[in-house]
Amino acid sequence: MPQVEVPEVHLVEHPDRMIMIEKGLSPGRARAAALEAVRQARRRMPKMSGAAARGMQPLYGKSYFGLSWATEVVWYQDHGTKPFTMRSLAGKTVPMWIDDPTGAERRANPKAKTRTTESGKVQVLIFRRAALIGQRKKIYRRDPQSGLKVLVSDTPMHYPGAPGRIAWREAAQPWTRPGKRPGAIHPGNIGVWWRHPGLKPRSFLNTSMTLAAQKAGLLAERVYVADKGWRNYVRLHGEEFR
């Protein structure tokens, strides 16, 4: 069975390219391998508008080949992220593309912008405002006898980290999913507003590089994750270009 991933050497904190070194590799073979790596990565990566995929470019030269990406989202999609509360959105109006398979959102908002993703899903652009951290919604009524305002409701508004509605929990026994606890909050419904669930790592960059190397008849040993100064970093690790 062919190897689909190789060890990664991370040279920088914010990379924008992945490189594989093969001493003696001609520029022509390197170009073919780089083009194949980009083709494989574009096919395997998740796509919405396709802009991130189009931003990937081949890199090649004597004794090396690789690919680069134009936006950090590619790296996050590849290596994943941990769940986090999006506190930076506090007090802001946030544009959001939501799926609209039935057309209900388009009928309710006929002037809203729409798009069709690379996978064929129709989405509508909506706007939601995140409250300031700690902001609360207070509702008063006037007491008919005293004429004074009386507080009848004091609840947190939808600020990042505010308690939210839990819509989905794990089923009770015997229908609980294997390895899960009955009644546990499902990862997609953690009961907190403006909480990003994180991204699962996909490793499509490494896999694409490895498959491209194997198709070119190269021995894939490792890949370097770097930025535009990668040559200097790689030389520090003992690699030479011949």
Protein backbone atom coordinates (compact mmCIF):
# COMPACT_ATOMS: atom_id res chain seq x y z
CA MET A 1 0.00 0.00 0.00
CA PRO A 2 1.54 3.37 -0.99
CA GLN A 3 2.54 5.77 1.74
CA VAL A 4 0.21 8.80 1.85
CA GLU A 5 1.93 10.95 4.50
CA VAL A 6 5.51 11.68 5.50
CA PRO A 7 7.00 13.44 8.57
CA GLU A 8 6.74 17.22 8.56
CA VAL A 9 9.49 19.61 9.61
CA HIS A 10 7.87 22.88 10.73
CA LEU A 11 10.28 25.77 10.19
CA VAL A 12 8.00 28.76 10.87
CA GLU A 13 4.89 29.53 12.89
CA HIS A 14 2.87 30.99 10.02
CA PRO A 15 3.75 29.00 6.87
CA ASP A 16 2.60 29.63 3.34
CA ARG A 17 4.26 26.71 1.51
CA MET A 18 5.32 23.08 1.70
CA ILE A 19 8.57 21.89 0.11
CA MET A 20 10.15 18.49 -0.58
CA ILE A 21 13.88 18.16 -1.29
CA GLU A 22 15.22 15.54 -3.73
CA LYS A 23 18.91 15.92 -4.59
CA GLY A 24 19.58 15.71 -8.29
CA LEU A 25 15.94 16.34 -9.25
CA SER A 26 15.81 18.11 -12.62
CA PRO A 27 13.70 21.27 -13.00
CA GLY A 28 11.49 19.49 -15.55
CA ARG A 29 10.60 16.62 -13.22
CA ALA A 30 10.27 19.04 -10.34
CA ARG A 31 7.75 21.10 -12.32
CA ALA A 32 5.67 18.01 -13.12
CA ALA A 33 5.69 16.95 -9.46
CA ALA A 34 4.71 20.44 -8.26
CA LEU A 35 1.82 20.67 -10.72
CA GLU A 36 0.61 17.25 -9.61
CA ALA A 37 0.84 18.28 -5.94
CA VAL A 38 -1.31 21.36 -6.60
CA ARG A 39 -3.81 19.30 -8.61
CA GLN A 40 -4.13 16.75 -5.82
CA ALA A 41 -4.45 19.43 -3.11
CA ARG A 42 -7.15 21.36 -5.00
CA ARG A 43 -9.11 18.15 -5.45
CA ARG A 44 -8.84 17.10 -1.78
CA MET A 45 -9.24 20.38 0.10
CA PRO A 46 -12.65 21.64 1.29
CA LYS A 47 -14.04 24.31 -1.02
CA MET A 48 -16.71 26.97 -0.67
CA SER A 49 -16.13 29.72 -3.25
CA GLY A 50 -12.99 28.02 -4.58
CA ALA A 51 -10.86 31.15 -4.05
CA ALA A 52 -8.44 29.43 -1.63
CA ALA A 53 -7.96 26.54 -4.06
CA ARG A 54 -7.26 28.91 -6.94
CA GLY A 55 -4.70 30.70 -4.76
CA MET A 56 -2.51 27.58 -4.52
CA GLN A 57 0.52 27.67 -6.81
CA PRO A 58 3.29 25.20 -7.78
CA LEU A 59 6.86 25.79 -6.60
CA TYR A 60 9.79 24.03 -8.24
CA GLY A 61 13.43 24.23 -9.21
CA LYS A 62 16.58 22.14 -9.24
CA SER A 63 16.41 19.53 -6.44
CA TYR A 64 13.02 20.60 -4.99
CA PHE A 65 9.31 20.92 -5.62
CA GLY A 66 6.33 22.05 -3.59
CA LEU A 67 3.25 24.22 -3.43
CA SER A 68 2.20 27.50 -1.82
CA TRP A 69 -1.10 28.95 -0.62
CA ALA A 70 -2.29 32.55 -0.51
CA THR A 71 -4.47 32.53 2.60
CA GLU A 72 -3.96 31.16 6.11
CA VAL A 73 -7.32 29.40 6.00
CA VAL A 74 -5.68 26.68 3.88
CA TRP A 75 -3.24 25.88 6.69
CA TYR A 76 -6.03 25.82 9.28
CA GLN A 77 -8.13 23.53 7.09
CA ASP A 78 -5.15 21.21 6.67
CA HIS A 79 -3.95 21.02 10.29
CA GLY A 80 -7.19 21.84 12.09
CA THR A 81 -7.92 24.19 14.97
CA LYS A 82 -9.13 23.76 18.54
CA PRO A 83 -12.59 25.04 19.54
CA PHE A 84 -12.55 28.67 20.65
CA THR A 85 -14.92 31.49 21.59
CA MET A 86 -14.81 34.25 18.99
CA ARG A 87 -14.44 37.15 21.43
CA SER A 88 -13.05 39.44 18.74
CA LEU A 89 -16.58 39.63 17.25
CA ALA A 90 -18.05 41.34 20.33
CA GLY A 91 -20.06 44.42 19.34
CA LYS A 92 -19.67 43.74 15.62
CA THR A 93 -22.13 42.99 12.84
CA VAL A 94 -21.05 39.70 11.31
CA PRO A 95 -21.82 38.62 7.72
CA MET A 96 -22.66 34.91 7.50
CA TRP A 97 -23.31 32.62 4.55
CA ILE A 98 -25.97 30.06 5.52
CA ASP A 99 -27.32 27.07 3.58
CA ASP A 100 -30.76 27.57 2.04
CA PRO A 101 -31.73 24.22 0.49
CA THR A 102 -35.49 24.92 0.55
CA GLY A 103 -35.33 28.56 -0.57
CA ALA A 104 -37.07 29.74 2.60
CA GLU A 105 -34.40 32.32 3.42
CA ARG A 106 -34.46 33.68 -0.13
CA ARG A 107 -38.24 34.06 -0.03
CA ALA A 108 -38.01 35.86 3.31
CA ASN A 109 -35.17 38.11 2.09
CA PRO A 110 -35.47 38.42 -1.71
CA LYS A 111 -32.81 41.17 -1.87
CA ALA A 112 -30.18 39.14 0.01
CA LYS A 113 -27.05 38.09 -1.87
CA THR A 114 -26.81 34.43 -2.83
CA ARG A 115 -24.04 32.12 -4.01
CA THR A 116 -23.55 28.52 -5.05
CA THR A 117 -20.56 26.76 -3.47
CA GLU A 118 -18.14 24.49 -5.32
CA SER A 119 -20.06 21.52 -3.90
CA GLY A 120 -23.34 22.84 -5.31
CA LYS A 121 -24.95 24.19 -2.12
CA VAL A 122 -27.02 27.38 -2.40
CA GLN A 123 -26.25 29.88 0.35
CA VAL A 124 -27.70 33.24 1.40
CA LEU A 125 -25.80 36.12 3.00
CA ILE A 126 -27.28 37.24 6.31
CA PHE A 127 -26.06 39.57 9.06
CA ARG A 128 -26.05 38.98 12.80
CA ARG A 129 -24.85 41.35 15.52
CA ALA A 130 -22.79 40.02 18.41
CA ALA A 131 -23.48 41.84 21.68
CA LEU A 132 -20.75 43.35 23.82
CA ILE A 133 -19.19 41.06 26.40
CA GLY A 134 -21.47 40.91 29.44
CA GLN A 135 -24.29 42.89 27.78
CA ARG A 136 -27.75 41.98 29.09
CA LYS A 137 -31.30 42.45 27.87
CA LYS A 138 -33.60 43.96 30.47
CA ILE A 139 -37.36 44.12 30.08
CA TYR A 140 -39.52 46.35 32.30
CA ARG A 141 -43.23 46.74 32.78
CA ARG A 142 -45.12 49.47 34.58
CA ASP A 143 -46.93 48.46 37.74
CA PRO A 144 -50.57 49.56 37.28
CA GLN A 145 -50.98 50.36 40.96
CA SER A 146 -47.78 52.22 41.79
CA GLY A 147 -46.98 53.45 38.29
CA LEU A 148 -43.35 52.43 38.77
CA LYS A 149 -41.28 50.44 36.29
CA VAL A 150 -40.68 46.87 37.43
CA LEU A 151 -37.90 44.64 36.08
CA VAL A 152 -39.48 41.43 34.80
CA SER A 153 -36.61 39.95 32.79
CA ASP A 154 -32.83 40.26 32.92
CA THR A 155 -31.07 37.84 30.56
CA PRO A 156 -27.66 37.71 28.84
CA MET A 157 -27.62 38.98 25.28
CA HIS A 158 -25.90 37.04 22.51
CA TYR A 159 -22.32 38.03 23.23
CA PRO A 160 -19.34 35.70 22.60
CA GLY A 161 -19.35 33.19 25.44
CA ALA A 162 -22.88 33.93 26.64
CA PRO A 163 -24.95 30.88 27.64
CA GLY A 164 -27.01 29.61 24.75
CA ARG A 165 -29.64 27.03 23.99
CA ILE A 166 -28.46 23.40 23.87
CA ALA A 167 -30.29 21.86 20.94
CA TRP A 168 -28.64 18.47 20.72
CA ARG A 169 -27.50 16.05 23.40
CA GLU A 170 -26.36 12.46 23.17
CA ALA A 171 -29.23 9.97 23.23
CA ALA A 172 -30.06 7.92 26.31
CA GLN A 173 -29.17 4.24 26.56
CA PRO A 174 -29.43 1.99 24.64
CA TRP A 175 -29.24 4.49 21.73
CA THR A 176 -26.11 6.33 22.90
CA ARG A 177 -23.38 6.39 20.27
CA PRO A 178 -20.34 4.17 21.00
CA GLY A 179 -17.83 5.90 23.26
CA LYS A 180 -20.25 8.71 24.20
CA ARG A 181 -21.93 9.52 27.51
CA PRO A 182 -25.76 9.56 27.67
CA GLY A 183 -27.08 13.12 27.86
CA ALA A 184 -23.70 14.71 27.08
CA ILE A 185 -23.78 17.93 25.06
CA HIS A 186 -23.06 17.24 21.40
CA PRO A 187 -19.88 19.02 20.14
CA GLY A 188 -21.90 21.06 17.65
CA ASN A 189 -24.26 22.36 20.36
CA ILE A 190 -22.14 23.42 23.30
CA GLY A 191 -24.62 25.94 24.62
CA VAL A 192 -22.38 28.99 24.16
CA TRP A 193 -22.96 31.84 21.73
CA TRP A 194 -20.34 32.62 19.05
CA ARG A 195 -18.31 29.51 19.82
CA HIS A 196 -16.33 28.07 16.91
CA PRO A 197 -16.37 24.25 17.07
CA GLY A 198 -12.85 24.02 15.63
CA LEU A 199 -11.69 22.23 12.50
CA LYS A 200 -10.65 18.62 12.16
CA PRO A 201 -7.20 18.18 10.55
CA ARG A 202 -7.40 16.90 6.97
CA SER A 203 -3.70 16.64 6.01
CA PHE A 204 -4.49 17.15 2.32
CA LEU A 205 -1.27 19.15 1.77
CA ASN A 206 1.05 16.40 3.04
CA THR A 207 -0.92 13.68 1.27
CA SER A 208 -0.86 15.59 -2.02
CA MET A 209 2.89 16.18 -1.80
CA THR A 210 3.57 12.53 -0.99
CA LEU A 211 1.37 11.22 -3.80
CA ALA A 212 2.98 13.66 -6.27
CA ALA A 213 6.45 12.45 -5.22
CA GLN A 214 5.48 8.82 -5.64
CA LYS A 215 3.95 9.50 -9.06
CA ALA A 216 7.22 11.15 -10.10
CA GLY A 217 9.19 8.13 -8.90
CA LEU A 218 10.75 9.94 -5.96
CA LEU A 219 11.43 8.63 -2.47
CA ALA A 220 9.28 10.72 -0.14
CA GLU A 221 11.05 11.07 3.21
CA ARG A 222 9.91 14.40 4.69
CA VAL A 223 8.36 17.74 3.81
CA TYR A 224 9.36 21.19 5.04
CA VAL A 225 6.64 23.62 6.11
CA ALA A 226 7.99 27.14 5.69
CA ASP A 227 7.62 30.61 4.18
CA LYS A 228 9.51 32.49 1.44
CA GLY A 229 12.78 32.23 3.40
CA TRP A 230 12.63 28.44 3.32
CA ARG A 231 16.01 27.93 1.61
CA ASN A 232 17.91 29.37 4.56
CA TYR A 233 15.88 27.38 7.07
CA VAL A 234 16.34 24.13 5.15
CA ARG A 235 20.10 24.62 4.92
CA LEU A 236 20.19 24.97 8.71
CA HIS A 237 18.76 21.46 8.85
CA GLY A 238 21.64 20.07 6.79
CA GLU A 239 19.96 19.90 3.38
CA GLU A 240 22.00 20.88 0.32
CA PHE A 241 20.91 21.61 -3.22
CA ARG A 242 22.86 19.88 -5.92
